Amino acid sequence: QVQLVESGGGLVQPGGSLRLSCVASGRIRRINTMGWYRQAPGKQRELVATFSSAGVTNYADSVKGRFTVSRDNAKNTVYLEMNSLKPEDTAVYYCNGDITNIVFRTNVYWGQGTQVIVSS
């Protein structure tokens, strides 16, 4: 089994910063793409940023220049550095991983989500 556990959410004022972390654990052979999605109340889940095993990053237009996704392969961890936060960034942020387990089965896994609230 593979698990993804997020941390780092919370309440921040507009213009502030937060750093989210997501650790993958379990019977992992290879982590392919890892990234972040978010879901605001009443809206569909949307992509925020991803980081492929080849080192390619991808960002939603709404966060380009403000958010940075990074990855520590030795720690099976992906990070999301969020700067210049806006109220519209308020959402539950979910970690996502495309992971191959030790019996060579590849699945997409999700974390439980971490709440980010941007409000004064």
N, C-alpha and C. Protein backbone atom coordinates (compact mmCIF):
# COMPACT_ATOMS: atom_id res chain seq x y z
N GLN A 1 0.85 -1.20 0.00
CA GLN A 1 0.00 0.00 0.00
C GLN A 1 0.88 1.24 0.00
N VAL A 2 0.35 2.28 -0.60
CA VAL A 2 1.07 3.57 -0.68
C VAL A 2 0.20 4.65 -0.04
N GLN A 3 0.83 5.51 0.74
CA GLN A 3 0.10 6.61 1.36
C GLN A 3 0.78 7.93 1.06
N LEU A 4 -0.05 8.96 0.93
CA LEU A 4 0.43 10.33 0.78
C LEU A 4 -0.12 11.13 1.95
N VAL A 5 0.76 11.85 2.64
CA VAL A 5 0.34 12.63 3.79
C VAL A 5 0.81 14.07 3.62
N GLU A 6 -0.16 14.99 3.62
CA GLU A 6 0.16 16.41 3.47
C GLU A 6 0.29 17.08 4.83
N SER A 7 0.99 18.20 4.83
CA SER A 7 1.06 19.05 6.02
C SER A 7 1.36 20.47 5.57
N GLY A 8 1.12 21.42 6.47
CA GLY A 8 1.52 22.79 6.21
C GLY A 8 0.41 23.77 5.91
N GLY A 9 -0.83 23.31 5.85
CA GLY A 9 -1.92 24.24 5.60
C GLY A 9 -2.20 25.12 6.81
N GLY A 10 -3.11 26.07 6.62
CA GLY A 10 -3.47 26.94 7.72
C GLY A 10 -4.11 28.21 7.25
N LEU A 11 -4.19 29.16 8.17
CA LEU A 11 -4.79 30.46 7.92
C LEU A 11 -3.67 31.48 7.71
N VAL A 12 -3.79 32.26 6.63
CA VAL A 12 -2.77 33.27 6.33
C VAL A 12 -3.45 34.50 5.77
N GLN A 13 -2.86 35.64 6.00
CA GLN A 13 -3.41 36.88 5.48
C GLN A 13 -3.09 37.04 4.00
N PRO A 14 -3.89 37.79 3.28
CA PRO A 14 -3.56 38.07 1.88
C PRO A 14 -2.16 38.67 1.76
N GLY A 15 -1.44 38.18 0.76
CA GLY A 15 -0.06 38.61 0.58
C GLY A 15 0.95 37.76 1.32
N GLY A 16 0.46 36.88 2.16
CA GLY A 16 1.35 36.03 2.95
C GLY A 16 1.82 34.80 2.20
N SER A 17 2.52 33.95 2.94
CA SER A 17 3.12 32.75 2.34
C SER A 17 2.84 31.53 3.20
N LEU A 18 2.81 30.39 2.53
CA LEU A 18 2.71 29.10 3.19
C LEU A 18 3.52 28.10 2.39
N ARG A 19 3.97 27.06 3.09
CA ARG A 19 4.67 25.97 2.43
C ARG A 19 3.99 24.66 2.77
N LEU A 20 3.53 23.96 1.75
CA LEU A 20 2.92 22.65 1.93
C LEU A 20 3.95 21.56 1.64
N SER A 21 3.81 20.47 2.37
CA SER A 21 4.66 19.30 2.15
C SER A 21 3.79 18.07 1.98
N CYS A 22 4.30 17.13 1.22
CA CYS A 22 3.60 15.85 1.03
C CYS A 22 4.63 14.74 0.97
N VAL A 23 4.48 13.79 1.87
CA VAL A 23 5.40 12.66 1.93
C VAL A 23 4.70 11.40 1.45
N ALA A 24 5.33 10.70 0.54
CA ALA A 24 4.83 9.41 0.07
C ALA A 24 5.56 8.29 0.81
N SER A 25 4.78 7.30 1.24
CA SER A 25 5.39 6.18 1.96
C SER A 25 4.70 4.89 1.56
N GLY A 26 5.35 3.78 1.90
CA GLY A 26 4.77 2.48 1.59
C GLY A 26 5.66 1.69 0.65
N ARG A 27 5.03 0.80 -0.09
CA ARG A 27 5.77 -0.14 -0.94
C ARG A 27 5.99 0.49 -2.32
N ILE A 28 6.90 1.44 -2.34
CA ILE A 28 7.15 2.26 -3.52
C ILE A 28 8.37 1.77 -4.27
N ARG A 29 8.21 1.59 -5.56
CA ARG A 29 9.36 1.30 -6.41
C ARG A 29 9.84 2.56 -7.10
N ARG A 30 8.88 3.34 -7.60
CA ARG A 30 9.24 4.53 -8.35
C ARG A 30 8.11 5.55 -8.24
N ILE A 31 8.50 6.80 -7.99
CA ILE A 31 7.53 7.89 -8.02
C ILE A 31 7.68 8.62 -9.35
N ASN A 32 6.66 8.66 -10.10
CA ASN A 32 6.68 9.31 -11.41
C ASN A 32 6.36 10.79 -11.22
N THR A 33 5.20 11.21 -11.55
CA THR A 33 4.83 12.62 -11.33
C THR A 33 4.18 12.79 -9.96
N MET A 34 4.57 13.85 -9.27
CA MET A 34 3.89 14.26 -8.04
C MET A 34 3.45 15.70 -8.19
N GLY A 35 2.40 16.03 -7.49
CA GLY A 35 1.96 17.41 -7.62
C GLY A 35 0.84 17.76 -6.67
N TRP A 36 0.22 18.89 -6.95
CA TRP A 36 -0.80 19.45 -6.09
C TRP A 36 -2.03 19.85 -6.90
N TYR A 37 -3.17 19.56 -6.30
CA TYR A 37 -4.46 20.00 -6.82
C TYR A 37 -5.16 20.72 -5.68
N ARG A 38 -6.20 21.45 -6.02
CA ARG A 38 -6.99 22.12 -4.97
C ARG A 38 -8.45 22.13 -5.35
N GLN A 39 -9.27 22.22 -4.30
CA GLN A 39 -10.71 22.28 -4.50
C GLN A 39 -11.29 23.31 -3.56
N ALA A 40 -11.87 24.34 -4.14
CA ALA A 40 -12.54 25.38 -3.37
C ALA A 40 -14.00 24.98 -3.20
N PRO A 41 -14.67 25.54 -2.18
CA PRO A 41 -16.08 25.21 -1.96
C PRO A 41 -16.93 25.48 -3.19
N GLY A 42 -17.71 24.49 -3.58
CA GLY A 42 -18.59 24.65 -4.72
C GLY A 42 -17.92 24.56 -6.08
N LYS A 43 -16.64 24.24 -6.10
CA LYS A 43 -15.92 24.17 -7.37
C LYS A 43 -15.30 22.79 -7.56
N GLN A 44 -14.94 22.52 -8.79
CA GLN A 44 -14.28 21.25 -9.10
C GLN A 44 -12.81 21.29 -8.69
N ARG A 45 -12.26 20.12 -8.45
CA ARG A 45 -10.85 20.03 -8.14
C ARG A 45 -10.05 20.45 -9.38
N GLU A 46 -9.00 21.24 -9.17
CA GLU A 46 -8.21 21.74 -10.28
C GLU A 46 -6.72 21.55 -10.01
N LEU A 47 -5.97 21.43 -11.09
CA LEU A 47 -4.53 21.29 -11.00
C LEU A 47 -3.92 22.60 -10.53
N VAL A 48 -2.94 22.48 -9.63
CA VAL A 48 -2.18 23.65 -9.19
C VAL A 48 -0.77 23.59 -9.80
N ALA A 49 -0.07 22.50 -9.53
CA ALA A 49 1.31 22.36 -10.04
C ALA A 49 1.73 20.91 -9.97
N THR A 50 2.57 20.51 -10.93
CA THR A 50 3.12 19.16 -10.92
C THR A 50 4.61 19.19 -11.19
N PHE A 51 5.26 18.09 -10.79
CA PHE A 51 6.71 17.96 -10.94
C PHE A 51 6.97 16.53 -11.41
N SER A 52 7.43 16.37 -12.62
CA SER A 52 7.62 15.03 -13.17
C SER A 52 8.95 14.42 -12.71
N SER A 53 9.10 13.15 -12.95
CA SER A 53 10.35 12.47 -12.60
C SER A 53 11.52 12.97 -13.45
N ALA A 54 11.20 13.58 -14.58
CA ALA A 54 12.25 14.16 -15.44
C ALA A 54 12.59 15.58 -15.04
N GLY A 55 11.92 16.09 -14.02
CA GLY A 55 12.22 17.44 -13.56
C GLY A 55 11.42 18.53 -14.25
N VAL A 56 10.39 18.14 -14.97
CA VAL A 56 9.56 19.13 -15.67
C VAL A 56 8.42 19.57 -14.74
N THR A 57 8.25 20.87 -14.65
CA THR A 57 7.18 21.42 -13.83
C THR A 57 6.07 21.99 -14.70
N ASN A 58 4.88 21.99 -14.13
CA ASN A 58 3.72 22.52 -14.83
C ASN A 58 2.87 23.26 -13.81
N TYR A 59 2.38 24.44 -14.18
CA TYR A 59 1.61 25.27 -13.26
C TYR A 59 0.31 25.72 -13.89
N ALA A 60 -0.69 25.87 -13.05
CA ALA A 60 -1.91 26.54 -13.48
C ALA A 60 -1.58 28.01 -13.73
N ASP A 61 -2.23 28.60 -14.69
CA ASP A 61 -1.97 30.01 -15.00
C ASP A 61 -2.21 30.90 -13.80
N SER A 62 -3.17 30.55 -12.98
CA SER A 62 -3.55 31.39 -11.84
C SER A 62 -2.48 31.46 -10.75
N VAL A 63 -1.52 30.53 -10.78
CA VAL A 63 -0.51 30.52 -9.71
C VAL A 63 0.90 30.78 -10.25
N LYS A 64 1.05 30.88 -11.55
CA LYS A 64 2.38 31.11 -12.12
C LYS A 64 2.99 32.39 -11.57
N GLY A 65 4.25 32.29 -11.18
CA GLY A 65 4.95 33.44 -10.63
C GLY A 65 4.76 33.62 -9.14
N ARG A 66 3.81 32.89 -8.56
CA ARG A 66 3.55 33.01 -7.12
C ARG A 66 3.85 31.71 -6.38
N PHE A 67 3.58 30.58 -7.01
CA PHE A 67 3.78 29.27 -6.39
C PHE A 67 4.97 28.58 -7.03
N THR A 68 5.67 27.80 -6.23
CA THR A 68 6.78 27.00 -6.73
C THR A 68 6.67 25.57 -6.21
N VAL A 69 6.69 24.62 -7.13
CA VAL A 69 6.66 23.21 -6.74
C VAL A 69 8.09 22.67 -6.80
N SER A 70 8.44 21.89 -5.81
CA SER A 70 9.77 21.27 -5.78
C SER A 70 9.65 19.86 -5.23
N ARG A 71 10.76 19.14 -5.33
CA ARG A 71 10.68 17.72 -4.99
C ARG A 71 12.01 17.26 -4.43
N ASP A 72 11.95 16.43 -3.40
CA ASP A 72 13.13 15.81 -2.82
C ASP A 72 12.96 14.31 -3.01
N ASN A 73 13.61 13.76 -4.01
CA ASN A 73 13.43 12.34 -4.33
C ASN A 73 13.94 11.43 -3.22
N ALA A 74 14.98 11.86 -2.54
CA ALA A 74 15.53 11.04 -1.46
C ALA A 74 14.54 10.88 -0.31
N LYS A 75 13.67 11.87 -0.17
CA LYS A 75 12.69 11.85 0.92
C LYS A 75 11.29 11.52 0.44
N ASN A 76 11.14 11.21 -0.84
CA ASN A 76 9.81 10.94 -1.42
C ASN A 76 8.83 12.06 -1.07
N THR A 77 9.29 13.27 -1.18
CA THR A 77 8.51 14.43 -0.74
C THR A 77 8.40 15.46 -1.85
N VAL A 78 7.20 16.04 -1.95
CA VAL A 78 6.98 17.15 -2.85
C VAL A 78 6.50 18.34 -2.01
N TYR A 79 6.93 19.52 -2.41
CA TYR A 79 6.62 20.74 -1.68
C TYR A 79 5.87 21.71 -2.60
N LEU A 80 5.12 22.58 -1.98
CA LEU A 80 4.49 23.68 -2.70
C LEU A 80 4.72 24.95 -1.89
N GLU A 81 5.57 25.80 -2.42
CA GLU A 81 5.82 27.10 -1.79
C GLU A 81 4.84 28.09 -2.40
N MET A 82 4.02 28.69 -1.54
CA MET A 82 2.97 29.59 -2.00
C MET A 82 3.24 30.99 -1.46
N ASN A 83 3.45 31.93 -2.35
CA ASN A 83 3.71 33.32 -2.00
C ASN A 83 2.63 34.22 -2.56
N SER A 84 2.58 35.43 -2.05
CA SER A 84 1.59 36.42 -2.52
C SER A 84 0.20 35.81 -2.57
N LEU A 85 -0.18 35.17 -1.50
CA LEU A 85 -1.46 34.46 -1.48
C LEU A 85 -2.63 35.43 -1.57
N LYS A 86 -3.67 34.96 -2.25
CA LYS A 86 -4.88 35.75 -2.47
C LYS A 86 -6.07 35.01 -1.86
N PRO A 87 -7.13 35.71 -1.54
CA PRO A 87 -8.32 35.02 -1.01
C PRO A 87 -8.81 33.92 -1.94
N GLU A 88 -8.66 34.11 -3.23
CA GLU A 88 -9.12 33.09 -4.18
C GLU A 88 -8.26 31.83 -4.17
N ASP A 89 -7.16 31.84 -3.43
CA ASP A 89 -6.36 30.62 -3.25
C ASP A 89 -6.92 29.74 -2.15
N THR A 90 -7.91 30.22 -1.45
CA THR A 90 -8.52 29.43 -0.39
C THR A 90 -9.14 28.16 -0.95
N ALA A 91 -8.72 27.03 -0.39
CA ALA A 91 -9.18 25.74 -0.90
C ALA A 91 -8.58 24.64 -0.03
N VAL A 92 -9.06 23.43 -0.25
CA VAL A 92 -8.38 22.25 0.27
C VAL A 92 -7.37 21.83 -0.78
N TYR A 93 -6.13 21.69 -0.36
CA TYR A 93 -5.05 21.32 -1.27
C TYR A 93 -4.74 19.83 -1.10
N TYR A 94 -4.72 19.15 -2.24
CA TYR A 94 -4.49 17.71 -2.24
C TYR A 94 -3.18 17.37 -2.95
N CYS A 95 -2.43 16.50 -2.32
CA CYS A 95 -1.24 15.96 -2.95
C CYS A 95 -1.64 14.80 -3.87
N ASN A 96 -0.96 14.70 -4.96
CA ASN A 96 -1.26 13.67 -5.97
C ASN A 96 0.04 13.02 -6.41
N GLY A 97 0.01 11.71 -6.53
CA GLY A 97 1.22 11.02 -6.97
C GLY A 97 0.92 9.89 -7.93
N ASP A 98 1.66 9.85 -9.01
CA ASP A 98 1.60 8.72 -9.96
C ASP A 98 2.77 7.81 -9.59
N ILE A 99 2.45 6.68 -8.94
CA ILE A 99 3.48 5.90 -8.27
C ILE A 99 3.44 4.44 -8.69
N THR A 100 4.61 3.88 -8.93
CA THR A 100 4.74 2.46 -9.25
C THR A 100 5.16 1.72 -7.98
N ASN A 101 4.39 0.70 -7.63
CA ASN A 101 4.73 -0.02 -6.39
C ASN A 101 5.72 -1.16 -6.67
N ILE A 102 6.03 -1.91 -5.63
CA ILE A 102 7.11 -2.88 -5.74
C ILE A 102 6.77 -4.07 -6.63
N VAL A 103 5.48 -4.22 -6.98
CA VAL A 103 5.12 -5.28 -7.92
C VAL A 103 4.80 -4.70 -9.28
N PHE A 104 5.36 -3.51 -9.53
CA PHE A 104 5.29 -2.86 -10.84
C PHE A 104 3.89 -2.45 -11.27
N ARG A 105 3.03 -2.22 -10.30
CA ARG A 105 1.71 -1.70 -10.64
C ARG A 105 1.71 -0.20 -10.40
N THR A 106 1.24 0.54 -11.39
CA THR A 106 1.23 2.00 -11.30
C THR A 106 -0.20 2.50 -11.07
N ASN A 107 -0.35 3.31 -10.06
CA ASN A 107 -1.64 3.90 -9.73
C ASN A 107 -1.47 5.36 -9.38
N VAL A 108 -2.59 6.05 -9.38
CA VAL A 108 -2.61 7.44 -8.92
C VAL A 108 -3.13 7.46 -7.49
N TYR A 109 -2.39 8.12 -6.63
CA TYR A 109 -2.75 8.18 -5.22
C TYR A 109 -3.02 9.63 -4.83
N TRP A 110 -3.87 9.77 -3.82
CA TRP A 110 -4.22 11.09 -3.31
C TRP A 110 -4.00 11.15 -1.80
N GLY A 111 -3.59 12.32 -1.34
CA GLY A 111 -3.55 12.56 0.08
C GLY A 111 -4.93 12.92 0.61
N GLN A 112 -4.99 13.15 1.91
CA GLN A 112 -6.28 13.43 2.54
C GLN A 112 -6.68 14.90 2.41
N GLY A 113 -5.74 15.73 2.03
CA GLY A 113 -6.03 17.15 1.85
C GLY A 113 -5.62 17.99 3.05
N THR A 114 -5.22 19.20 2.77
CA THR A 114 -4.90 20.16 3.83
C THR A 114 -5.54 21.50 3.49
N GLN A 115 -6.18 22.10 4.47
CA GLN A 115 -6.95 23.32 4.24
C GLN A 115 -6.03 24.55 4.23
N VAL A 116 -6.21 25.37 3.24
CA VAL A 116 -5.54 26.68 3.18
C VAL A 116 -6.62 27.76 3.13
N ILE A 117 -6.56 28.68 4.06
CA ILE A 117 -7.51 29.79 4.11
C ILE A 117 -6.73 31.09 4.05
N VAL A 118 -7.06 31.90 3.06
CA VAL A 118 -6.41 33.20 2.91
C VAL A 118 -7.46 34.27 3.23
N SER A 119 -7.27 34.92 4.35
CA SER A 119 -8.27 35.88 4.81
C SER A 119 -7.64 36.85 5.79
N SER A 120 -8.16 38.07 5.77
CA SER A 120 -7.71 39.06 6.73
C SER A 120 -8.61 39.07 7.97
